[in-house]
Amino acid sequence: MPIYEYRCDGCGVQKEHLQKISDAPVAVCPECGSGDYRKLVSAAGFQLKGAGWYATDFKGGNNSAPAASGHSCGTGGCGSCN
C-alpha cells in the first residue's frame, strides 16, 4: 500500500497516511478537525538501478552500440578509438 502525505492549511500539521489506492482521500485534519486537509504531491521513494529490464527496454534506444564510423565516441578523438 502506498504512503500519502497530507498537510492541513488550517493548523499546518503534516502527516503520512498508509492507504489503499482505492481509498478516498482523508478529508478532515486529525489534529484540528479542519476540512482544509490536502493530499500533497511528492516524488516516488525508490530508484531503479543496475542493468535490469528497465535499463535495456525503456531508455529510448540502444546507446551502447558503436557509431557507424567504428569509433565508440563517433569522432575518433578519444583514447579508446586508437
PDB file of N, CA and C in Angstrom:
ATOM      1  N   MET A   1       0.838  -1.183   0.000  1.00  0.00           N
ATOM      2  CA  MET A   1       0.000   0.000   0.000  1.00  0.00           C
ATOM      3  C   MET A   1       0.880   1.242   0.000  1.00  0.00           C
ATOM      4  N   PRO A   2       0.495   2.245  -0.771  1.00  0.00           N
ATOM      5  CA  PRO A   2       1.292   3.473  -0.813  1.00  0.00           C
ATOM      6  C   PRO A   2       1.087   4.341   0.428  1.00  0.00           C
ATOM      7  N   ILE A   3       2.077   5.154   0.686  1.00  0.00           N
ATOM      8  CA  ILE A   3       2.018   6.128   1.776  1.00  0.00           C
ATOM      9  C   ILE A   3       1.799   7.494   1.145  1.00  0.00           C
ATOM     10  N   TYR A   4       0.751   8.179   1.570  1.00  0.00           N
ATOM     11  CA  TYR A   4       0.421   9.504   1.054  1.00  0.00           C
ATOM     12  C   TYR A   4       0.708  10.554   2.124  1.00  0.00           C
ATOM     13  N   GLU A   5       1.206  11.697   1.682  1.00  0.00           N
ATOM     14  CA  GLU A   5       1.460  12.817   2.580  1.00  0.00           C
ATOM     15  C   GLU A   5       0.302  13.801   2.502  1.00  0.00           C
ATOM     16  N   TYR A   6      -0.082  14.317   3.658  1.00  0.00           N
ATOM     17  CA  TYR A   6      -1.157  15.311   3.750  1.00  0.00           C
ATOM     18  C   TYR A   6      -0.663  16.481   4.579  1.00  0.00           C
ATOM     19  N   ARG A   7      -1.222  17.678   4.290  1.00  0.00           N
ATOM     20  CA  ARG A   7      -0.930  18.866   5.108  1.00  0.00           C
ATOM     21  C   ARG A   7      -2.220  19.636   5.318  1.00  0.00           C
ATOM     22  N   CYS A   8      -2.375  20.144   6.530  1.00  0.00           N
ATOM     23  CA  CYS A   8      -3.546  20.943   6.883  1.00  0.00           C
ATOM     24  C   CYS A   8      -3.220  22.416   6.662  1.00  0.00           C
ATOM     25  N   ASP A   9      -4.030  23.070   5.845  1.00  0.00           N
ATOM     26  CA  ASP A   9      -3.847  24.500   5.616  1.00  0.00           C
ATOM     27  C   ASP A   9      -4.282  25.330   6.826  1.00  0.00           C
ATOM     28  N   GLY A  10      -5.103  24.724   7.691  1.00  0.00           N
ATOM     29  CA  GLY A  10      -5.588  25.428   8.873  1.00  0.00           C
ATOM     30  C   GLY A  10      -4.558  25.513   9.986  1.00  0.00           C
ATOM     31  N   CYS A  11      -4.007  24.356  10.400  1.00  0.00           N
ATOM     32  CA  CYS A  11      -3.073  24.351  11.537  1.00  0.00           C
ATOM     33  C   CYS A  11      -1.627  24.077  11.128  1.00  0.00           C
ATOM     34  N   GLY A  12      -1.396  23.673   9.868  1.00  0.00           N
ATOM     35  CA  GLY A  12      -0.034  23.470   9.385  1.00  0.00           C
ATOM     36  C   GLY A  12       0.549  22.101   9.666  1.00  0.00           C
ATOM     37  N   VAL A  13      -0.208  21.200  10.296  1.00  0.00           N
ATOM     38  CA  VAL A  13       0.319  19.869  10.592  1.00  0.00           C
ATOM     39  C   VAL A  13       0.488  19.089   9.284  1.00  0.00           C
ATOM     40  N   GLN A  14       1.545  18.284   9.235  1.00  0.00           N
ATOM     41  CA  GLN A  14       1.808  17.462   8.058  1.00  0.00           C
ATOM     42  C   GLN A  14       1.985  16.019   8.525  1.00  0.00           C
ATOM     43  N   LYS A  15       1.239  15.080   7.908  1.00  0.00           N
ATOM     44  CA  LYS A  15       1.267  13.676   8.322  1.00  0.00           C
ATOM     45  C   LYS A  15       1.266  12.771   7.111  1.00  0.00           C
ATOM     46  N   GLU A  16       1.694  11.525   7.339  1.00  0.00           N
ATOM     47  CA  GLU A  16       1.643  10.484   6.325  1.00  0.00           C
ATOM     48  C   GLU A  16       0.543   9.501   6.683  1.00  0.00           C
ATOM     49  N   HIS A  17      -0.159   9.007   5.654  1.00  0.00           N
ATOM     50  CA  HIS A  17      -1.223   8.030   5.854  1.00  0.00           C
ATOM     51  C   HIS A  17      -0.992   6.854   4.916  1.00  0.00           C
ATOM     52  N   LEU A  18      -1.041   5.640   5.446  1.00  0.00           N
ATOM     53  CA  LEU A  18      -0.938   4.414   4.667  1.00  0.00           C
ATOM     54  C   LEU A  18      -2.338   4.071   4.185  1.00  0.00           C
ATOM     55  N   GLN A  19      -2.553   4.134   2.856  1.00  0.00           N
ATOM     56  CA  GLN A  19      -3.882   3.934   2.303  1.00  0.00           C
ATOM     57  C   GLN A  19      -3.820   3.050   1.063  1.00  0.00           C
ATOM     58  N   LYS A  20      -4.916   2.373   0.768  1.00  0.00           N
ATOM     59  CA  LYS A  20      -5.057   1.679  -0.492  1.00  0.00           C
ATOM     60  C   LYS A  20      -5.248   2.732  -1.581  1.00  0.00           C
ATOM     61  N   ILE A  21      -4.908   2.368  -2.808  1.00  0.00           N
ATOM     62  CA  ILE A  21      -5.101   3.293  -3.918  1.00  0.00           C
ATOM     63  C   ILE A  21      -6.585   3.609  -4.094  1.00  0.00           C
ATOM     64  N   SER A  22      -7.433   2.630  -3.816  1.00  0.00           N
ATOM     65  CA  SER A  22      -8.877   2.813  -3.998  1.00  0.00           C
ATOM     66  C   SER A  22      -9.546   3.581  -2.850  1.00  0.00           C
ATOM     67  N   ASP A  23      -8.833   3.816  -1.739  1.00  0.00           N
ATOM     68  CA  ASP A  23      -9.405   4.564  -0.613  1.00  0.00           C
ATOM     69  C   ASP A  23      -9.636   6.026  -0.978  1.00  0.00           C
ATOM     70  N   ALA A  24     -10.692   6.586  -0.414  1.00  0.00           N
ATOM     71  CA  ALA A  24     -10.967   8.016  -0.595  1.00  0.00           C
ATOM     72  C   ALA A  24      -9.915   8.826   0.164  1.00  0.00           C
ATOM     73  N   PRO A  25      -9.565  10.017  -0.336  1.00  0.00           N
ATOM     74  CA  PRO A  25      -8.601  10.859   0.385  1.00  0.00           C
ATOM     75  C   PRO A  25      -9.124  11.235   1.775  1.00  0.00           C
ATOM     76  N   VAL A  26      -8.203  11.399   2.712  1.00  0.00           N
ATOM     77  CA  VAL A  26      -8.567  11.846   4.056  1.00  0.00           C
ATOM     78  C   VAL A  26      -8.979  13.314   3.932  1.00  0.00           C
ATOM     79  N   ALA A  27     -10.176  13.646   4.383  1.00  0.00           N
ATOM     80  CA  ALA A  27     -10.711  14.993   4.169  1.00  0.00           C
ATOM     81  C   ALA A  27     -10.650  15.877   5.406  1.00  0.00           C
ATOM     82  N   VAL A  28     -10.491  15.278   6.599  1.00  0.00           N
ATOM     83  CA  VAL A  28     -10.528  16.048   7.848  1.00  0.00           C
ATOM     84  C   VAL A  28      -9.191  15.890   8.571  1.00  0.00           C
ATOM     85  N   CYS A  29      -8.636  17.000   9.001  1.00  0.00           N
ATOM     86  CA  CYS A  29      -7.367  17.001   9.734  1.00  0.00           C
ATOM     87  C   CYS A  29      -7.524  16.250  11.054  1.00  0.00           C
ATOM     88  N   PRO A  30      -6.646  15.279  11.330  1.00  0.00           N
ATOM     89  CA  PRO A  30      -6.753  14.537  12.593  1.00  0.00           C
ATOM     90  C   PRO A  30      -6.354  15.363  13.818  1.00  0.00           C
ATOM     91  N   GLU A  31      -5.678  16.475  13.619  1.00  0.00           N
ATOM     92  CA  GLU A  31      -5.242  17.315  14.738  1.00  0.00           C
ATOM     93  C   GLU A  31      -6.283  18.358  15.134  1.00  0.00           C
ATOM     94  N   CYS A  32      -6.751  19.126  14.142  1.00  0.00           N
ATOM     95  CA  CYS A  32      -7.639  20.247  14.474  1.00  0.00           C
ATOM     96  C   CYS A  32      -9.069  20.057  13.971  1.00  0.00           C
ATOM     97  N   GLY A  33      -9.319  19.035  13.154  1.00  0.00           N
ATOM     98  CA  GLY A  33     -10.658  18.773  12.643  1.00  0.00           C
ATOM     99  C   GLY A  33     -11.050  19.639  11.470  1.00  0.00           C
ATOM    100  N   SER A  34     -10.125  20.423  10.939  1.00  0.00           N
ATOM    101  CA  SER A  34     -10.411  21.313   9.815  1.00  0.00           C
ATOM    102  C   SER A  34     -10.639  20.512   8.532  1.00  0.00           C
ATOM    103  N   GLY A  35     -11.412  21.068   7.632  1.00  0.00           N
ATOM    104  CA  GLY A  35     -11.640  20.453   6.328  1.00  0.00           C
ATOM    105  C   GLY A  35     -10.608  20.874   5.301  1.00  0.00           C
ATOM    106  N   ASP A  36      -9.574  21.597   5.736  1.00  0.00           N
ATOM    107  CA  ASP A  36      -8.516  22.078   4.839  1.00  0.00           C
ATOM    108  C   ASP A  36      -7.334  21.116   4.785  1.00  0.00           C
ATOM    109  N   TYR A  37      -7.592  19.833   4.874  1.00  0.00           N
ATOM    110  CA  TYR A  37      -6.562  18.794   4.868  1.00  0.00           C
ATOM    111  C   TYR A  37      -6.374  18.328   3.433  1.00  0.00           C
ATOM    112  N   ARG A  38      -5.194  18.538   2.866  1.00  0.00           N
ATOM    113  CA  ARG A  38      -4.944  18.280   1.450  1.00  0.00           C
ATOM    114  C   ARG A  38      -3.839  17.251   1.241  1.00  0.00           C
ATOM    115  N   LYS A  39      -4.029  16.415   0.213  1.00  0.00           N
ATOM    116  CA  LYS A  39      -3.009  15.438  -0.185  1.00  0.00           C
ATOM    117  C   LYS A  39      -1.915  16.178  -0.952  1.00  0.00           C
ATOM    118  N   LEU A  40      -0.655  15.893  -0.626  1.00  0.00           N
ATOM    119  CA  LEU A  40       0.480  16.530  -1.281  1.00  0.00           C
ATOM    120  C   LEU A  40       0.992  15.664  -2.424  1.00  0.00           C
ATOM    121  N   VAL A  41       1.618  16.290  -3.387  1.00  0.00           N
ATOM    122  CA  VAL A  41       2.272  15.579  -4.477  1.00  0.00           C
ATOM    123  C   VAL A  41       3.757  15.517  -4.132  1.00  0.00           C
ATOM    124  N   SER A  42       4.315  14.318  -4.131  1.00  0.00           N
ATOM    125  CA  SER A  42       5.725  14.177  -3.787  1.00  0.00           C
ATOM    126  C   SER A  42       6.383  13.154  -4.697  1.00  0.00           C
ATOM    127  N   ALA A  43       7.690  13.119  -4.700  1.00  0.00           N
ATOM    128  CA  ALA A  43       8.458  12.200  -5.539  1.00  0.00           C
ATOM    129  C   ALA A  43       8.354  10.776  -5.009  1.00  0.00           C
ATOM    130  N   ALA A  44       8.516   9.843  -5.912  1.00  0.00           N
ATOM    131  CA  ALA A  44       8.499   8.431  -5.525  1.00  0.00           C
ATOM    132  C   ALA A  44       9.703   8.128  -4.643  1.00  0.00           C
ATOM    133  N   GLY A  45       9.555   7.186  -3.744  1.00  0.00           N
ATOM    134  CA  GLY A  45      10.606   6.863  -2.792  1.00  0.00           C
ATOM    135  C   GLY A  45      11.500   5.717  -3.208  1.00  0.00           C
ATOM    136  N   PHE A  46      11.633   5.458  -4.503  1.00  0.00           N
ATOM    137  CA  PHE A  46      12.527   4.396  -4.941  1.00  0.00           C
ATOM    138  C   PHE A  46      13.231   4.821  -6.214  1.00  0.00           C
ATOM    139  N   GLN A  47      14.305   4.108  -6.529  1.00  0.00           N
ATOM    140  CA  GLN A  47      15.090   4.408  -7.708  1.00  0.00           C
ATOM    141  C   GLN A  47      15.536   3.099  -8.327  1.00  0.00           C
ATOM    142  N   LEU A  48      15.367   2.951  -9.629  1.00  0.00           N
ATOM    143  CA  LEU A  48      15.787   1.743 -10.316  1.00  0.00           C
ATOM    144  C   LEU A  48      17.254   1.864 -10.685  1.00  0.00           C
ATOM    145  N   LYS A  49      18.053   0.868 -10.295  1.00  0.00           N
ATOM    146  CA  LYS A  49      19.484   0.885 -10.574  1.00  0.00           C
ATOM    147  C   LYS A  49      19.893  -0.445 -11.185  1.00  0.00           C
ATOM    148  N   GLY A  50      21.035  -0.448 -11.805  1.00  0.00           N
ATOM    149  CA  GLY A  50      21.567  -1.686 -12.347  1.00  0.00           C
ATOM    150  C   GLY A  50      21.263  -1.851 -13.818  1.00  0.00           C
ATOM    151  N   ALA A  51      21.410  -3.077 -14.296  1.00  0.00           N
ATOM    152  CA  ALA A  51      21.255  -3.375 -15.716  1.00  0.00           C
ATOM    153  C   ALA A  51      20.034  -4.249 -15.954  1.00  0.00           C
ATOM    154  N   GLY A  52      18.959  -4.004 -15.260  1.00  0.00           N
ATOM    155  CA  GLY A  52      17.736  -4.794 -15.404  1.00  0.00           C
ATOM    156  C   GLY A  52      16.958  -4.427 -16.645  1.00  0.00           C
ATOM    157  N   TRP A  53      15.779  -4.979 -16.794  1.00  0.00           N
ATOM    158  CA  TRP A  53      14.936  -4.763 -17.974  1.00  0.00           C
ATOM    159  C   TRP A  53      14.624  -3.299 -18.209  1.00  0.00           C
ATOM    160  N   TYR A  54      14.506  -2.503 -17.124  1.00  0.00           N
ATOM    161  CA  TYR A  54      14.181  -1.092 -17.254  1.00  0.00           C
ATOM    162  C   TYR A  54      15.311  -0.320 -17.910  1.00  0.00           C
ATOM    163  N   ALA A  55      16.546  -0.762 -17.730  1.00  0.00           N
ATOM    164  CA  ALA A  55      17.690  -0.080 -18.328  1.00  0.00           C
ATOM    165  C   ALA A  55      17.836  -0.422 -19.804  1.00  0.00           C
ATOM    166  N   THR A  56      17.449  -1.625 -20.187  1.00  0.00           N
ATOM    167  CA  THR A  56      17.621  -2.039 -21.573  1.00  0.00           C
ATOM    168  C   THR A  56      16.388  -1.810 -22.426  1.00  0.00           C
ATOM    169  N   ASP A  57      15.216  -1.818 -21.853  1.00  0.00           N
ATOM    170  CA  ASP A  57      13.992  -1.732 -22.638  1.00  0.00           C
ATOM    171  C   ASP A  57      13.352  -0.349 -22.695  1.00  0.00           C
ATOM    172  N   PHE A  58      13.677   0.543 -21.775  1.00  0.00           N
ATOM    173  CA  PHE A  58      12.974   1.816 -21.710  1.00  0.00           C
ATOM    174  C   PHE A  58      13.885   3.038 -21.752  1.00  0.00           C
ATOM    175  N   LYS A  59      15.042   2.930 -22.320  1.00  0.00           N
ATOM    176  CA  LYS A  59      15.939   4.085 -22.378  1.00  0.00           C
ATOM    177  C   LYS A  59      15.799   4.876 -23.669  1.00  0.00           C
ATOM    178  N   GLY A  60      14.952   4.441 -24.586  1.00  0.00           N
ATOM    179  CA  GLY A  60      14.726   5.202 -25.800  1.00  0.00           C
ATOM    180  C   GLY A  60      15.724   4.928 -26.906  1.00  0.00           C
ATOM    181  N   GLY A  61      16.363   3.816 -26.905  1.00  0.00           N
ATOM    182  CA  GLY A  61      17.299   3.487 -27.974  1.00  0.00           C
ATOM    183  C   GLY A  61      18.484   2.732 -27.432  1.00  0.00           C
ATOM    184  N   ASN A  62      19.295   2.249 -28.326  1.00  0.00           N
ATOM    185  CA  ASN A  62      20.474   1.487 -27.941  1.00  0.00           C
ATOM    186  C   ASN A  62      21.669   2.420 -27.945  1.00  0.00           C
ATOM    187  N   ASN A  63      21.994   2.984 -26.805  1.00  0.00           N
ATOM    188  CA  ASN A  63      23.091   3.941 -26.693  1.00  0.00           C
ATOM    189  C   ASN A  63      24.445   3.272 -26.547  1.00  0.00           C
ATOM    190  N   SER A  64      24.482   1.958 -26.375  1.00  0.00           N
ATOM    191  CA  SER A  64      25.752   1.283 -26.148  1.00  0.00           C
ATOM    192  C   SER A  64      26.403   0.808 -27.439  1.00  0.00           C
ATOM    193  N   ALA A  65      25.709   0.873 -28.574  1.00  0.00           N
ATOM    194  CA  ALA A  65      26.270   0.430 -29.837  1.00  0.00           C
ATOM    195  C   ALA A  65      27.261   1.476 -30.353  1.00  0.00           C
ATOM    196  N   PRO A  66      28.378   1.040 -30.966  1.00  0.00           N
ATOM    197  CA  PRO A  66      29.339   1.995 -31.527  1.00  0.00           C
ATOM    198  C   PRO A  66      28.736   2.748 -32.701  1.00  0.00           C
ATOM    199  N   ALA A  67      29.249   3.915 -32.957  1.00  0.00           N
ATOM    200  CA  ALA A  67      28.778   4.716 -34.076  1.00  0.00           C
ATOM    201  C   ALA A  67      29.144   4.043 -35.388  1.00  0.00           C
ATOM    202  N   ALA A  68      28.526   4.466 -36.472  1.00  0.00           N
ATOM    203  CA  ALA A  68      28.734   3.845 -37.773  1.00  0.00           C
ATOM    204  C   ALA A  68      30.187   3.953 -38.237  1.00  0.00           C
ATOM    205  N   SER A  69      30.938   4.927 -37.765  1.00  0.00           N
ATOM    206  CA  SER A  69      32.321   5.102 -38.176  1.00  0.00           C
ATOM    207  C   SER A  69      33.252   4.082 -37.536  1.00  0.00           C
ATOM    208  N   GLY A  70      32.762   3.286 -36.579  1.00  0.00           N
ATOM    209  CA  GLY A  70      33.598   2.301 -35.926  1.00  0.00           C
ATOM    210  C   GLY A  70      34.252   2.822 -34.653  1.00  0.00           C
ATOM    211  N   HIS A  71      34.108   4.090 -34.371  1.00  0.00           N
ATOM    212  CA  HIS A  71      34.681   4.666 -33.162  1.00  0.00           C
ATOM    213  C   HIS A  71      33.601   4.736 -32.080  1.00  0.00           C
ATOM    214  N   SER A  72      33.954   4.411 -30.842  1.00  0.00           N
ATOM    215  CA  SER A  72      32.957   4.407 -29.772  1.00  0.00           C
ATOM    216  C   SER A  72      32.463   5.817 -29.447  1.00  0.00           C
ATOM    217  N   CYS A  73      33.279   6.832 -29.673  1.00  0.00           N
ATOM    218  CA  CYS A  73      32.839   8.194 -29.406  1.00  0.00           C
ATOM    219  C   CYS A  73      32.234   8.844 -30.644  1.00  0.00           C
ATOM    220  N   GLY A  74      32.407   8.205 -31.793  1.00  0.00           N
ATOM    221  CA  GLY A  74      31.847   8.719 -33.027  1.00  0.00           C
ATOM    222  C   GLY A  74      32.744   9.667 -33.784  1.00  0.00           C
ATOM    223  N   THR A  75      33.863  10.089 -33.176  1.00  0.00           N
ATOM    224  CA  THR A  75      34.737  11.052 -33.851  1.00  0.00           C
ATOM    225  C   THR A  75      36.155  10.535 -34.048  1.00  0.00           C
ATOM    226  N   GLY A  76      36.550   9.546 -33.284  1.00  0.00           N
ATOM    227  CA  GLY A  76      37.920   9.043 -33.362  1.00  0.00           C
ATOM    228  C   GLY A  76      38.885   9.816 -32.494  1.00  0.00           C
ATOM    229  N   GLY A  77      38.385  10.741 -31.690  1.00  0.00           N
ATOM    230  CA  GLY A  77      39.249  11.589 -30.886  1.00  0.00           C
ATOM    231  C   GLY A  77      39.483  11.100 -29.466  1.00  0.00           C
ATOM    232  N   CYS A  78      38.895   9.972 -29.077  1.00  0.00           N
ATOM    233  CA  CYS A  78      39.091   9.511 -27.701  1.00  0.00           C
ATOM    234  C   CYS A  78      40.146   8.417 -27.639  1.00  0.00           C
ATOM    235  N   GLY A  79      40.624   8.122 -26.463  1.00  0.00           N
ATOM    236  CA  GLY A  79      41.682   7.126 -26.277  1.00  0.00           C
ATOM    237  C   GLY A  79      41.253   5.706 -26.612  1.00  0.00           C
ATOM    238  N   SER A  80      39.960   5.389 -26.486  1.00  0.00           N
ATOM    239  CA  SER A  80      39.513   4.029 -26.778  1.00  0.00           C
ATOM    240  C   SER A  80      39.361   3.773 -28.261  1.00  0.00           C
ATOM    241  N   CYS A  81      39.400   4.832 -29.083  1.00  0.00           N
ATOM    242  CA  CYS A  81      39.254   4.673 -30.526  1.00  0.00           C
ATOM    243  C   CYS A  81      40.581   4.328 -31.206  1.00  0.00           C
ATOM    244  N   ASN A  82      41.688   4.537 -30.549  1.00  0.00           N
ATOM    245  CA  ASN A  82      43.008   4.312 -31.176  1.00  0.00           C
ATOM    246  C   ASN A  82      43.380   2.873 -31.189  1.00  0.00           C
TER     247      ASN A  82
END
